[in-house]
């Protein structure tokens, strides 16, 4: 039987260790653990057989001190608020570490997308994006793909936002190239992991010739890392 990891505690523990190393003030440390906003929504879906199912959706905006909230949206049957909180805060630290003008956010729906038809997936995606629309914007919060979401889902998001506000290519990243997406985006995370591993090995004088590695998961990131 699998045991669900307490993502929030693990993230807070990592943050506390980093904060201790840099001597971060306790008041600032406590403040940075609390997200700016948490939105939890109901996402009803009319399935192809006419029945209606409701799913739980989330968008957590952790911190925007450095710029608009930025982070992916995942569709997974184990997504919950605790996980999304954790991932939103990690996005804040990632954007800060690489010094780009964004904050951290994350979102998701508790759903197994593999159990939906393509038409059902489109309806669910569009309904979710309309539901979180009030807190999304190019200068507020910019979603992106994540686990079980892709360029097609970002295209639906882009179209849905366009119907409400006019065509706005910058409202999502990870969209199809023909709609203004970036070349290499799909492979970037996995290839970045491989490059960081190579450079870290150089720094610590680890010979990678003939070395073996363990890749946990073989989705979009793991497949390109391998």
Foldseek 3Di string as FASTA:
>chain_A
DDDDDQLLVVLLVVLVVVCVVVVPDPVVSVLQLAAPDKDKDWQWFQAPVRDIDIWIKIKTHRDQPQFAAEEAEAEEQPDDPSNQSNQQSVQQVVCVVVVDRGGGMYMYINHDCVVGDPVRVLSRLLRVLVVCVVQFDLRHYAYEHDHPDAQVSVVSSQVSVCVVPNRDLSRYERHDVVSPHDPPPLLVLQVVVLVVVVVVCVVVVNDCVVDDDDQDDCDSNNVSVD
